[in-house]
Amino acid sequence: MTIEELRVGGSIKLKGPLKLGVLSIGGSLTVEGDIEVSALEVSGSARISGNLRAQSIDIAGSLSVGGSVVAERLIDISGSAKITSDLEAGDVNISGALKCHVLKAKRVKLAGGVEAERVIAEEVEVSKNSEVRGVIIACRVIIGKGAEVEHVIGHEVRVRSDAEVDKIEAYRVVVESDSEVGDLAYIEKAEVSEDAEVKKITRIDKLSVDLKCVDVSVKTQ
């Protein structure tokens, strides 16, 4: 079934596989099966039992996906998204809440809450007072002021003031004042402010992940 454009203001239930141009949801949409769109905009709620593929995705409401999600250019989440499997994207902006298995992208900006087994990217910026549950694996990582992160593995890692990180593995790392780090392991250089608290610091020979500025290419059909 192919539809050029669909705008949902009420409640609708469809059966996939579906291929659409623009899908805009202000009401409630349920899709049984897979769906492919050029652009998805959700200000209401959408529930998809299968896989979702799009060029761009904008979630201001709520999205639930039973399979995987691929956003080839961008996914912007100011509402909430729950994805049973993986999320792959070009750029990812999150000011709301995301839960998925693995998040893989080129650039990730987090200003909300994320729960994922792994967040894999070239660049990850965790903004002020945000929270990440899982492992961030990236070439460059910035942990913003007051943010809370479980585990970071990266080439270049900077922890801003008042941030909390349970574990860091890095080639080079900077920990600013009043930050708390549980376990810090570095290869080349570690700059730790006198006002920061690092419970354990160790020099290591290699990271636990073979990080070659991670391959973050999005799968193509």
N, C-alpha and C. Protein backbone atom coordinates (compact mmCIF):
# COMPACT_ATOMS: atom_id res chain seq x y z
N MET A 1 0.85 -1.20 0.00
CA MET A 1 0.00 0.00 0.00
C MET A 1 0.89 1.25 0.00
N THR A 2 0.67 2.17 -0.96
CA THR A 2 1.48 3.38 -1.08
C THR A 2 0.59 4.61 -1.01
N ILE A 3 0.90 5.55 -0.12
CA ILE A 3 0.14 6.79 0.04
C ILE A 3 1.14 7.95 0.03
N GLU A 4 0.83 9.00 -0.76
CA GLU A 4 1.76 10.14 -0.86
C GLU A 4 1.82 10.94 0.44
N GLU A 5 0.65 11.16 1.05
CA GLU A 5 0.61 11.97 2.27
C GLU A 5 -0.57 11.54 3.13
N LEU A 6 -0.33 11.47 4.44
CA LEU A 6 -1.40 11.10 5.37
C LEU A 6 -1.29 11.97 6.61
N ARG A 7 -2.41 12.63 6.93
CA ARG A 7 -2.47 13.45 8.14
C ARG A 7 -3.56 12.87 9.04
N VAL A 8 -3.19 12.56 10.26
CA VAL A 8 -4.09 11.90 11.19
C VAL A 8 -4.45 12.87 12.32
N GLY A 9 -5.73 13.24 12.39
CA GLY A 9 -6.19 14.14 13.44
C GLY A 9 -7.01 13.41 14.49
N GLY A 10 -7.59 12.28 14.11
CA GLY A 10 -8.37 11.48 15.05
C GLY A 10 -7.64 10.22 15.42
N SER A 11 -8.30 9.08 15.29
CA SER A 11 -7.69 7.80 15.62
C SER A 11 -7.83 6.87 14.42
N ILE A 12 -6.71 6.23 14.04
CA ILE A 12 -6.72 5.36 12.87
C ILE A 12 -5.81 4.17 13.09
N LYS A 13 -6.21 3.03 12.51
CA LYS A 13 -5.42 1.81 12.60
C LYS A 13 -5.19 1.29 11.19
N LEU A 14 -3.91 1.03 10.84
CA LEU A 14 -3.56 0.59 9.50
C LEU A 14 -2.72 -0.69 9.56
N LYS A 15 -2.75 -1.41 8.45
CA LYS A 15 -1.97 -2.64 8.38
C LYS A 15 -0.86 -2.47 7.34
N GLY A 16 0.38 -2.81 7.74
CA GLY A 16 1.51 -2.70 6.84
C GLY A 16 1.71 -3.95 6.01
N PRO A 17 2.71 -3.93 5.12
CA PRO A 17 3.68 -2.84 5.01
C PRO A 17 3.10 -1.61 4.31
N LEU A 18 3.55 -0.43 4.77
CA LEU A 18 3.09 0.84 4.23
C LEU A 18 4.28 1.64 3.71
N LYS A 19 4.03 2.40 2.63
CA LYS A 19 5.04 3.32 2.11
C LYS A 19 4.35 4.65 1.86
N LEU A 20 4.82 5.69 2.58
CA LEU A 20 4.18 7.00 2.54
C LEU A 20 5.17 8.08 2.18
N GLY A 21 4.63 9.24 1.78
CA GLY A 21 5.46 10.41 1.60
C GLY A 21 5.65 11.09 2.95
N VAL A 22 4.68 11.92 3.33
CA VAL A 22 4.70 12.62 4.62
C VAL A 22 3.61 12.05 5.51
N LEU A 23 3.96 11.72 6.74
CA LEU A 23 3.00 11.22 7.71
C LEU A 23 2.99 12.16 8.91
N SER A 24 1.87 12.83 9.12
CA SER A 24 1.73 13.79 10.21
C SER A 24 0.63 13.31 11.15
N ILE A 25 0.97 13.16 12.44
CA ILE A 25 0.03 12.58 13.39
C ILE A 25 -0.24 13.56 14.53
N GLY A 26 -1.46 14.10 14.53
CA GLY A 26 -1.89 14.96 15.63
C GLY A 26 -2.80 14.21 16.57
N GLY A 27 -3.33 13.07 16.08
CA GLY A 27 -4.21 12.24 16.89
C GLY A 27 -3.50 10.96 17.30
N SER A 28 -4.10 9.82 16.94
CA SER A 28 -3.56 8.53 17.34
C SER A 28 -3.47 7.59 16.15
N LEU A 29 -2.30 6.99 15.94
CA LEU A 29 -2.09 6.07 14.83
C LEU A 29 -1.53 4.75 15.34
N THR A 30 -2.10 3.64 14.86
CA THR A 30 -1.55 2.32 15.13
C THR A 30 -1.27 1.64 13.79
N VAL A 31 -0.06 1.11 13.64
CA VAL A 31 0.32 0.40 12.42
C VAL A 31 0.74 -1.01 12.79
N GLU A 32 0.08 -1.98 12.17
CA GLU A 32 0.46 -3.37 12.36
C GLU A 32 1.41 -3.76 11.22
N GLY A 33 2.69 -3.88 11.54
CA GLY A 33 3.68 -4.20 10.52
C GLY A 33 4.68 -3.08 10.32
N ASP A 34 5.39 -3.12 9.18
CA ASP A 34 6.45 -2.16 8.88
C ASP A 34 5.89 -0.94 8.17
N ILE A 35 6.64 0.18 8.29
CA ILE A 35 6.24 1.41 7.61
C ILE A 35 7.48 2.18 7.17
N GLU A 36 7.41 2.74 5.96
CA GLU A 36 8.48 3.57 5.42
C GLU A 36 7.88 4.90 4.99
N VAL A 37 8.50 6.00 5.41
CA VAL A 37 8.00 7.33 5.07
C VAL A 37 9.16 8.24 4.70
N SER A 38 8.85 9.32 3.99
CA SER A 38 9.89 10.32 3.75
C SER A 38 10.08 11.19 4.98
N ALA A 39 8.97 11.54 5.63
CA ALA A 39 9.03 12.37 6.85
C ALA A 39 7.91 11.96 7.79
N LEU A 40 8.25 11.84 9.06
CA LEU A 40 7.27 11.51 10.10
C LEU A 40 7.24 12.63 11.13
N GLU A 41 6.03 13.15 11.39
CA GLU A 41 5.84 14.18 12.41
C GLU A 41 4.78 13.69 13.37
N VAL A 42 5.13 13.59 14.65
CA VAL A 42 4.20 13.08 15.66
C VAL A 42 4.03 14.11 16.76
N SER A 43 2.83 14.71 16.84
CA SER A 43 2.49 15.59 17.96
C SER A 43 1.46 14.90 18.85
N GLY A 44 0.87 13.82 18.34
CA GLY A 44 -0.06 13.00 19.11
C GLY A 44 0.65 11.74 19.56
N SER A 45 0.11 10.56 19.17
CA SER A 45 0.76 9.30 19.55
C SER A 45 0.75 8.34 18.37
N ALA A 46 1.85 7.57 18.25
CA ALA A 46 1.97 6.58 17.18
C ALA A 46 2.52 5.30 17.76
N ARG A 47 1.91 4.18 17.38
CA ARG A 47 2.37 2.86 17.81
C ARG A 47 2.56 1.99 16.57
N ILE A 48 3.78 1.52 16.37
CA ILE A 48 4.13 0.72 15.20
C ILE A 48 4.66 -0.62 15.67
N SER A 49 4.04 -1.71 15.22
CA SER A 49 4.45 -3.03 15.72
C SER A 49 5.72 -3.54 15.06
N GLY A 50 6.00 -3.06 13.83
CA GLY A 50 7.17 -3.53 13.09
C GLY A 50 8.31 -2.53 13.08
N ASN A 51 8.95 -2.37 11.91
CA ASN A 51 10.08 -1.47 11.75
C ASN A 51 9.64 -0.15 11.13
N LEU A 52 10.38 0.91 11.43
CA LEU A 52 10.10 2.25 10.90
C LEU A 52 11.35 2.76 10.18
N ARG A 53 11.15 3.25 8.96
CA ARG A 53 12.25 3.85 8.21
C ARG A 53 11.79 5.19 7.66
N ALA A 54 12.65 6.22 7.76
CA ALA A 54 12.28 7.57 7.29
C ALA A 54 13.54 8.36 6.95
N GLN A 55 13.34 9.44 6.19
CA GLN A 55 14.42 10.39 5.99
C GLN A 55 14.58 11.24 7.24
N SER A 56 13.46 11.72 7.76
CA SER A 56 13.49 12.56 8.97
C SER A 56 12.30 12.22 9.86
N ILE A 57 12.53 12.34 11.18
CA ILE A 57 11.50 12.04 12.16
C ILE A 57 11.49 13.14 13.22
N ASP A 58 10.30 13.65 13.52
CA ASP A 58 10.13 14.69 14.54
C ASP A 58 9.07 14.21 15.52
N ILE A 59 9.48 13.95 16.76
CA ILE A 59 8.57 13.43 17.77
C ILE A 59 8.36 14.46 18.87
N ALA A 60 7.20 15.11 18.84
CA ALA A 60 6.84 16.04 19.91
C ALA A 60 5.84 15.38 20.85
N GLY A 61 5.20 14.30 20.38
CA GLY A 61 4.28 13.53 21.20
C GLY A 61 4.93 12.26 21.68
N SER A 62 4.30 11.10 21.39
CA SER A 62 4.88 9.83 21.83
C SER A 62 4.93 8.83 20.68
N LEU A 63 6.02 8.06 20.63
CA LEU A 63 6.23 7.06 19.60
C LEU A 63 6.65 5.76 20.25
N SER A 64 6.01 4.66 19.84
CA SER A 64 6.38 3.32 20.30
C SER A 64 6.58 2.44 19.08
N VAL A 65 7.75 1.79 19.00
CA VAL A 65 8.07 0.95 17.84
C VAL A 65 8.51 -0.43 18.33
N GLY A 66 7.86 -1.45 17.80
CA GLY A 66 8.17 -2.82 18.23
C GLY A 66 9.42 -3.39 17.60
N GLY A 67 9.89 -2.80 16.49
CA GLY A 67 11.09 -3.25 15.81
C GLY A 67 12.20 -2.23 15.90
N SER A 68 12.85 -1.95 14.76
CA SER A 68 13.95 -0.99 14.71
C SER A 68 13.50 0.29 13.99
N VAL A 69 14.32 1.35 14.15
CA VAL A 69 14.05 2.63 13.50
C VAL A 69 15.31 3.10 12.78
N VAL A 70 15.14 3.53 11.53
CA VAL A 70 16.22 4.17 10.78
C VAL A 70 15.74 5.54 10.33
N ALA A 71 16.45 6.59 10.75
CA ALA A 71 16.19 7.96 10.29
C ALA A 71 17.44 8.41 9.54
N GLU A 72 17.39 8.39 8.24
CA GLU A 72 18.61 8.57 7.46
C GLU A 72 19.25 9.93 7.64
N ARG A 73 18.44 10.98 7.84
CA ARG A 73 19.00 12.32 8.02
C ARG A 73 18.97 12.76 9.47
N LEU A 74 17.78 12.76 10.06
CA LEU A 74 17.62 13.38 11.39
C LEU A 74 16.47 12.77 12.15
N ILE A 75 16.65 12.64 13.46
CA ILE A 75 15.53 12.38 14.36
C ILE A 75 15.61 13.38 15.50
N ASP A 76 14.49 14.04 15.73
CA ASP A 76 14.39 15.06 16.78
C ASP A 76 13.30 14.61 17.74
N ILE A 77 13.67 14.42 19.01
CA ILE A 77 12.70 13.92 20.00
C ILE A 77 12.57 14.94 21.13
N SER A 78 11.46 15.67 21.13
CA SER A 78 11.16 16.57 22.25
C SER A 78 10.08 15.95 23.14
N GLY A 79 9.43 14.92 22.62
CA GLY A 79 8.46 14.15 23.40
C GLY A 79 9.10 12.89 23.95
N SER A 80 8.51 11.73 23.64
CA SER A 80 9.09 10.47 24.13
C SER A 80 9.04 9.41 23.05
N ALA A 81 10.07 8.57 23.03
CA ALA A 81 10.13 7.48 22.06
C ALA A 81 10.64 6.23 22.75
N LYS A 82 9.95 5.12 22.50
CA LYS A 82 10.36 3.82 23.03
C LYS A 82 10.51 2.86 21.86
N ILE A 83 11.73 2.38 21.66
CA ILE A 83 12.05 1.54 20.52
C ILE A 83 12.60 0.22 21.04
N THR A 84 11.93 -0.88 20.70
CA THR A 84 12.32 -2.18 21.24
C THR A 84 13.70 -2.60 20.76
N SER A 85 14.02 -2.33 19.49
CA SER A 85 15.32 -2.71 18.93
C SER A 85 16.22 -1.48 18.82
N ASP A 86 16.95 -1.34 17.70
CA ASP A 86 17.96 -0.29 17.55
C ASP A 86 17.40 0.94 16.85
N LEU A 87 18.07 2.08 17.10
CA LEU A 87 17.81 3.32 16.39
C LEU A 87 19.09 3.73 15.67
N GLU A 88 19.00 3.90 14.34
CA GLU A 88 20.11 4.40 13.55
C GLU A 88 19.70 5.71 12.90
N ALA A 89 20.61 6.69 12.91
CA ALA A 89 20.26 7.99 12.35
C ALA A 89 21.50 8.74 11.91
N GLY A 90 21.27 9.79 11.11
CA GLY A 90 22.35 10.70 10.77
C GLY A 90 22.66 11.56 11.99
N ASP A 91 21.79 12.52 12.26
CA ASP A 91 21.89 13.36 13.46
C ASP A 91 20.74 13.05 14.40
N VAL A 92 21.03 13.13 15.70
CA VAL A 92 20.02 12.86 16.73
C VAL A 92 19.99 14.02 17.72
N ASN A 93 18.81 14.61 17.90
CA ASN A 93 18.60 15.66 18.91
C ASN A 93 17.52 15.18 19.87
N ILE A 94 17.85 15.13 21.15
CA ILE A 94 16.89 14.66 22.14
C ILE A 94 16.78 15.65 23.28
N SER A 95 15.60 16.25 23.41
CA SER A 95 15.32 17.12 24.56
C SER A 95 14.23 16.48 25.41
N GLY A 96 13.67 15.38 24.93
CA GLY A 96 12.66 14.63 25.68
C GLY A 96 13.26 13.36 26.26
N ALA A 97 12.63 12.21 25.97
CA ALA A 97 13.08 10.94 26.54
C ALA A 97 13.13 9.87 25.45
N LEU A 98 14.20 9.09 25.46
CA LEU A 98 14.37 7.99 24.50
C LEU A 98 14.79 6.73 25.24
N LYS A 99 14.15 5.62 24.87
CA LYS A 99 14.58 4.32 25.34
C LYS A 99 14.70 3.41 24.12
N CYS A 100 15.87 2.79 23.93
CA CYS A 100 16.08 1.88 22.83
C CYS A 100 17.18 0.89 23.20
N HIS A 101 17.45 -0.06 22.31
CA HIS A 101 18.52 -1.03 22.58
C HIS A 101 19.87 -0.40 22.31
N VAL A 102 20.16 -0.07 21.05
CA VAL A 102 21.40 0.61 20.67
C VAL A 102 21.05 1.84 19.85
N LEU A 103 21.67 2.97 20.18
CA LEU A 103 21.53 4.20 19.40
C LEU A 103 22.83 4.40 18.63
N LYS A 104 22.74 4.48 17.29
CA LYS A 104 23.91 4.62 16.44
C LYS A 104 23.70 5.79 15.50
N ALA A 105 24.62 6.77 15.52
CA ALA A 105 24.43 7.98 14.72
C ALA A 105 25.77 8.63 14.41
N LYS A 106 25.71 9.71 13.61
CA LYS A 106 26.91 10.50 13.36
C LYS A 106 27.13 11.48 14.51
N ARG A 107 26.12 12.28 14.77
CA ARG A 107 26.19 13.26 15.84
C ARG A 107 24.97 13.13 16.74
N VAL A 108 25.21 13.20 18.04
CA VAL A 108 24.13 13.07 19.01
C VAL A 108 24.18 14.24 19.99
N LYS A 109 23.06 14.94 20.12
CA LYS A 109 22.93 15.99 21.12
C LYS A 109 21.82 15.61 22.08
N LEU A 110 22.16 15.47 23.35
CA LEU A 110 21.21 14.99 24.35
C LEU A 110 20.95 16.10 25.36
N ALA A 111 19.69 16.48 25.46
CA ALA A 111 19.30 17.49 26.44
C ALA A 111 18.14 16.98 27.28
N GLY A 112 17.98 15.66 27.29
CA GLY A 112 16.89 15.05 28.06
C GLY A 112 17.38 13.80 28.75
N GLY A 113 16.61 12.72 28.61
CA GLY A 113 16.99 11.46 29.24
C GLY A 113 17.09 10.35 28.21
N VAL A 114 18.13 9.54 28.27
CA VAL A 114 18.33 8.44 27.35
C VAL A 114 18.68 7.17 28.11
N GLU A 115 18.01 6.08 27.74
CA GLU A 115 18.33 4.77 28.28
C GLU A 115 18.60 3.84 27.09
N ALA A 116 19.85 3.40 26.96
CA ALA A 116 20.24 2.53 25.85
C ALA A 116 21.44 1.70 26.29
N GLU A 117 21.54 0.50 25.74
CA GLU A 117 22.71 -0.32 26.06
C GLU A 117 23.99 0.37 25.61
N ARG A 118 23.95 0.94 24.38
CA ARG A 118 25.09 1.68 23.86
C ARG A 118 24.61 2.87 23.04
N VAL A 119 25.36 3.97 23.13
CA VAL A 119 25.17 5.14 22.27
C VAL A 119 26.46 5.29 21.48
N ILE A 120 26.41 5.02 20.17
CA ILE A 120 27.62 4.97 19.34
C ILE A 120 27.56 6.10 18.32
N ALA A 121 28.61 6.95 18.29
CA ALA A 121 28.59 8.09 17.37
C ALA A 121 29.99 8.63 17.16
N GLU A 122 30.11 9.58 16.23
CA GLU A 122 31.36 10.31 16.08
C GLU A 122 31.46 11.37 17.19
N GLU A 123 30.37 12.08 17.42
CA GLU A 123 30.34 13.14 18.44
C GLU A 123 29.09 12.99 19.31
N VAL A 124 29.28 13.10 20.61
CA VAL A 124 28.15 13.07 21.54
C VAL A 124 28.30 14.25 22.50
N GLU A 125 27.24 15.04 22.58
CA GLU A 125 27.20 16.15 23.54
C GLU A 125 26.02 15.94 24.47
N VAL A 126 26.31 15.79 25.75
CA VAL A 126 25.28 15.63 26.77
C VAL A 126 25.11 16.98 27.46
N SER A 127 23.97 17.59 27.27
CA SER A 127 23.77 18.95 27.76
C SER A 127 23.52 19.00 29.27
N LYS A 128 23.41 20.21 29.75
CA LYS A 128 23.23 20.49 31.17
C LYS A 128 22.07 19.71 31.77
N ASN A 129 22.36 19.06 32.90
CA ASN A 129 21.36 18.34 33.71
C ASN A 129 20.68 17.17 32.99
N SER A 130 21.28 16.67 31.93
CA SER A 130 20.73 15.51 31.23
C SER A 130 21.21 14.22 31.88
N GLU A 131 20.59 13.08 31.48
CA GLU A 131 20.94 11.80 32.08
C GLU A 131 21.03 10.73 30.99
N VAL A 132 22.10 9.94 31.03
CA VAL A 132 22.29 8.84 30.08
C VAL A 132 22.56 7.56 30.86
N ARG A 133 21.70 6.57 30.65
CA ARG A 133 21.90 5.26 31.24
C ARG A 133 22.35 4.30 30.14
N GLY A 134 23.59 3.86 30.24
CA GLY A 134 24.19 3.02 29.21
C GLY A 134 25.60 3.48 28.93
N VAL A 135 26.21 2.96 27.88
CA VAL A 135 27.60 3.28 27.53
C VAL A 135 27.62 4.20 26.32
N ILE A 136 28.31 5.33 26.43
CA ILE A 136 28.56 6.21 25.29
C ILE A 136 29.90 5.83 24.68
N ILE A 137 29.91 5.55 23.37
CA ILE A 137 31.14 5.19 22.66
C ILE A 137 31.28 6.17 21.50
N ALA A 138 32.30 7.04 21.55
CA ALA A 138 32.41 8.08 20.53
C ALA A 138 33.83 8.63 20.44
N CYS A 139 34.10 9.30 19.32
CA CYS A 139 35.41 9.95 19.15
C CYS A 139 35.54 11.15 20.09
N ARG A 140 34.48 11.97 20.14
CA ARG A 140 34.50 13.16 20.98
C ARG A 140 33.24 13.18 21.84
N VAL A 141 33.44 13.38 23.15
CA VAL A 141 32.32 13.37 24.09
C VAL A 141 32.43 14.57 25.02
N ILE A 142 31.35 15.31 25.16
CA ILE A 142 31.27 16.41 26.14
C ILE A 142 30.12 16.10 27.08
N ILE A 143 30.42 16.05 28.36
CA ILE A 143 29.41 15.84 29.40
C ILE A 143 29.14 17.19 30.05
N GLY A 144 27.93 17.71 29.86
CA GLY A 144 27.61 19.05 30.31
C GLY A 144 27.47 19.20 31.81
N LYS A 145 27.41 20.42 32.25
CA LYS A 145 27.29 20.77 33.66
C LYS A 145 26.07 20.11 34.30
N GLY A 146 26.29 19.42 35.38
CA GLY A 146 25.19 18.81 36.12
C GLY A 146 24.63 17.54 35.51
N ALA A 147 25.21 17.08 34.40
CA ALA A 147 24.70 15.87 33.74
C ALA A 147 25.14 14.62 34.50
N GLU A 148 24.39 13.52 34.29
CA GLU A 148 24.72 12.25 34.90
C GLU A 148 24.84 11.18 33.82
N VAL A 149 25.99 10.49 33.80
CA VAL A 149 26.26 9.49 32.77
C VAL A 149 26.89 8.27 33.42
N GLU A 150 26.51 7.09 32.94
CA GLU A 150 27.05 5.86 33.52
C GLU A 150 28.47 5.56 33.06
N HIS A 151 28.67 5.47 31.74
CA HIS A 151 29.95 4.97 31.24
C HIS A 151 30.27 5.67 29.92
N VAL A 152 31.51 6.13 29.77
CA VAL A 152 31.96 6.78 28.55
C VAL A 152 33.24 6.12 28.05
N ILE A 153 33.28 5.79 26.76
CA ILE A 153 34.49 5.32 26.11
C ILE A 153 34.74 6.24 24.92
N GLY A 154 35.88 6.96 24.90
CA GLY A 154 36.10 7.90 23.81
C GLY A 154 37.56 8.28 23.62
N HIS A 155 37.83 8.90 22.48
CA HIS A 155 39.17 9.44 22.22
C HIS A 155 39.37 10.72 23.04
N GLU A 156 38.46 11.67 22.88
CA GLU A 156 38.53 12.95 23.58
C GLU A 156 37.28 13.09 24.45
N VAL A 157 37.48 13.21 25.75
CA VAL A 157 36.34 13.31 26.67
C VAL A 157 36.54 14.52 27.58
N ARG A 158 35.50 15.34 27.69
CA ARG A 158 35.52 16.48 28.60
C ARG A 158 34.31 16.40 29.51
N VAL A 159 34.56 16.50 30.81
CA VAL A 159 33.49 16.46 31.81
C VAL A 159 33.38 17.86 32.42
N ARG A 160 32.26 18.52 32.19
CA ARG A 160 32.07 19.88 32.70
C ARG A 160 31.82 19.86 34.21
N SER A 161 31.80 21.05 34.79
CA SER A 161 31.66 21.18 36.23
C SER A 161 30.34 20.60 36.73
N ASP A 162 30.38 20.01 37.90
CA ASP A 162 29.21 19.46 38.59
C ASP A 162 28.61 18.22 37.92
N ALA A 163 29.25 17.69 36.90
CA ALA A 163 28.75 16.49 36.25
C ALA A 163 29.17 15.25 37.03
N GLU A 164 28.43 14.15 36.80
CA GLU A 164 28.75 12.88 37.47
C GLU A 164 28.85 11.77 36.42
N VAL A 165 29.98 11.06 36.45
CA VAL A 165 30.20 9.95 35.53
C VAL A 165 30.72 8.76 36.34
N ASP A 166 30.08 7.61 36.19
CA ASP A 166 30.52 6.44 36.94
C ASP A 166 31.85 5.91 36.45
N LYS A 167 32.03 5.86 35.11
CA LYS A 167 33.25 5.26 34.57
C LYS A 167 33.63 5.93 33.25
N ILE A 168 34.93 6.22 33.10
CA ILE A 168 35.45 6.81 31.86
C ILE A 168 36.65 6.02 31.38
N GLU A 169 36.67 5.71 30.08
CA GLU A 169 37.86 5.18 29.41
C GLU A 169 38.15 6.12 28.25
N ALA A 170 39.37 6.67 28.17
CA ALA A 170 39.65 7.66 27.13
C ALA A 170 41.14 7.72 26.79
N TYR A 171 41.42 8.19 25.56
CA TYR A 171 42.80 8.51 25.21
C TYR A 171 43.21 9.78 25.96
N ARG A 172 42.38 10.81 25.86
CA ARG A 172 42.64 12.06 26.56
C ARG A 172 41.36 12.51 27.24
N VAL A 173 41.48 13.00 28.47
CA VAL A 173 40.29 13.37 29.22
C VAL A 173 40.55 14.60 30.07
N VAL A 174 39.54 15.46 30.16
CA VAL A 174 39.58 16.64 31.03
C VAL A 174 38.38 16.56 31.97
N VAL A 175 38.65 16.69 33.27
CA VAL A 175 37.59 16.68 34.27
C VAL A 175 37.62 18.03 34.98
N GLU A 176 36.55 18.80 34.84
CA GLU A 176 36.51 20.14 35.40
C GLU A 176 36.09 20.14 36.87
N SER A 177 36.12 21.31 37.47
CA SER A 177 35.90 21.46 38.91
C SER A 177 34.54 20.96 39.37
N ASP A 178 34.52 20.40 40.57
CA ASP A 178 33.30 19.96 41.25
C ASP A 178 32.60 18.78 40.56
N SER A 179 33.26 18.17 39.58
CA SER A 179 32.71 16.97 38.96
C SER A 179 33.09 15.74 39.76
N GLU A 180 32.31 14.66 39.59
CA GLU A 180 32.58 13.41 40.28
C GLU A 180 32.72 12.29 39.25
N VAL A 181 33.84 11.56 39.34
CA VAL A 181 34.08 10.42 38.46
C VAL A 181 34.45 9.23 39.33
N GLY A 182 33.77 8.11 39.11
CA GLY A 182 34.06 6.93 39.92
C GLY A 182 35.37 6.27 39.52
N ASP A 183 35.48 5.88 38.26
CA ASP A 183 36.65 5.14 37.76
C ASP A 183 37.11 5.81 36.47
N LEU A 184 38.35 6.33 36.47
CA LEU A 184 38.90 7.01 35.30
C LEU A 184 40.12 6.25 34.80
N ALA A 185 40.04 5.78 33.55
CA ALA A 185 41.17 5.08 32.92
C ALA A 185 41.53 5.84 31.65
N TYR A 186 42.83 6.16 31.48
CA TYR A 186 43.25 6.95 30.33
C TYR A 186 44.51 6.36 29.70
N ILE A 187 44.72 6.70 28.42
CA ILE A 187 45.89 6.21 27.71
C ILE A 187 46.98 7.28 27.59
N GLU A 188 46.62 8.49 27.11
CA GLU A 188 47.63 9.53 26.87
C GLU A 188 47.70 10.58 27.96
N LYS A 189 46.57 11.20 28.27
CA LYS A 189 46.61 12.35 29.17
C LYS A 189 45.31 12.50 29.94
N ALA A 190 45.42 12.82 31.22
CA ALA A 190 44.25 13.11 32.05
C ALA A 190 44.49 14.41 32.81
N GLU A 191 43.63 15.40 32.56
CA GLU A 191 43.70 16.67 33.27
C GLU A 191 42.52 16.72 34.25
N VAL A 192 42.82 16.69 35.52
CA VAL A 192 41.77 16.64 36.54
C VAL A 192 41.89 17.86 37.44
N SER A 193 40.83 18.64 37.53
CA SER A 193 40.83 19.82 38.38
C SER A 193 41.02 19.43 39.84
N GLU A 194 41.68 20.31 40.58
CA GLU A 194 41.90 20.06 42.02
C GLU A 194 40.57 19.98 42.77
N ASP A 195 39.55 20.62 42.24
CA ASP A 195 38.25 20.62 42.90
C ASP A 195 37.35 19.48 42.45
N ALA A 196 37.85 18.63 41.55
CA ALA A 196 37.07 17.48 41.10
C ALA A 196 37.35 16.28 42.00
N GLU A 197 36.40 15.35 42.03
CA GLU A 197 36.57 14.14 42.83
C GLU A 197 36.63 12.92 41.91
N VAL A 198 37.79 12.27 41.85
CA VAL A 198 37.96 11.05 41.07
C VAL A 198 38.38 9.95 42.04
N LYS A 199 37.54 8.95 42.19
CA LYS A 199 37.79 7.91 43.19
C LYS A 199 38.95 6.99 42.80
N LYS A 200 39.09 6.72 41.50
CA LYS A 200 40.16 5.83 41.04
C LYS A 200 40.64 6.30 39.68
N ILE A 201 41.95 6.42 39.51
CA ILE A 201 42.52 6.82 38.23
C ILE A 201 43.65 5.86 37.85
N THR A 202 43.60 5.40 36.60
CA THR A 202 44.54 4.39 36.14
C THR A 202 45.00 4.70 34.73
N ARG A 203 46.28 4.46 34.46
CA ARG A 203 46.78 4.58 33.09
C ARG A 203 46.73 3.20 32.45
N ILE A 204 46.18 3.13 31.22
CA ILE A 204 46.00 1.84 30.56
C ILE A 204 46.66 1.85 29.18
N ASP A 205 46.80 0.67 28.58
CA ASP A 205 47.42 0.54 27.26
C ASP A 205 46.41 0.64 26.13
N LYS A 206 45.18 0.22 26.38
CA LYS A 206 44.17 0.26 25.33
C LYS A 206 42.78 0.33 25.95
N LEU A 207 41.83 0.74 25.13
CA LEU A 207 40.45 0.82 25.57
C LEU A 207 39.80 -0.55 25.49
N SER A 208 38.71 -0.72 26.18
CA SER A 208 37.99 -1.99 26.16
C SER A 208 37.23 -2.20 24.85
N VAL A 209 37.09 -1.12 24.07
CA VAL A 209 36.46 -1.17 22.75
C VAL A 209 37.48 -0.73 21.72
N ASP A 210 37.54 -1.43 20.58
CA ASP A 210 38.45 -1.06 19.50
C ASP A 210 37.87 0.15 18.78
N LEU A 211 38.22 1.34 19.28
CA LEU A 211 37.59 2.58 18.81
C LEU A 211 38.44 3.21 17.71
N LYS A 212 38.00 3.08 16.49
CA LYS A 212 38.73 3.67 15.36
C LYS A 212 37.91 4.83 14.80
N CYS A 213 37.48 5.69 15.67
CA CYS A 213 36.49 6.71 15.32
C CYS A 213 35.36 6.03 14.59
N VAL A 214 34.52 5.43 15.40
CA VAL A 214 33.52 4.41 15.09
C VAL A 214 32.87 4.56 13.72
N ASP A 215 32.68 3.43 13.05
CA ASP A 215 31.92 3.39 11.79
C ASP A 215 30.45 3.63 12.12
N VAL A 216 29.96 4.81 11.73
CA VAL A 216 28.59 5.16 12.08
C VAL A 216 27.70 5.30 10.85
N SER A 217 28.08 4.65 9.78
CA SER A 217 27.29 4.76 8.55
C SER A 217 25.91 4.13 8.75
N VAL A 218 24.89 4.78 8.18
CA VAL A 218 23.52 4.30 8.29
C VAL A 218 23.30 3.25 7.21
N LYS A 219 22.62 2.18 7.55
CA LYS A 219 22.34 1.12 6.59
C LYS A 219 21.48 1.66 5.44
N THR A 220 21.79 1.24 4.25
CA THR A 220 20.97 1.58 3.10
C THR A 220 20.32 0.32 2.54
N GLN A 221 19.20 0.51 1.90
CA GLN A 221 18.47 -0.64 1.38
C GLN A 221 19.12 -1.13 0.09
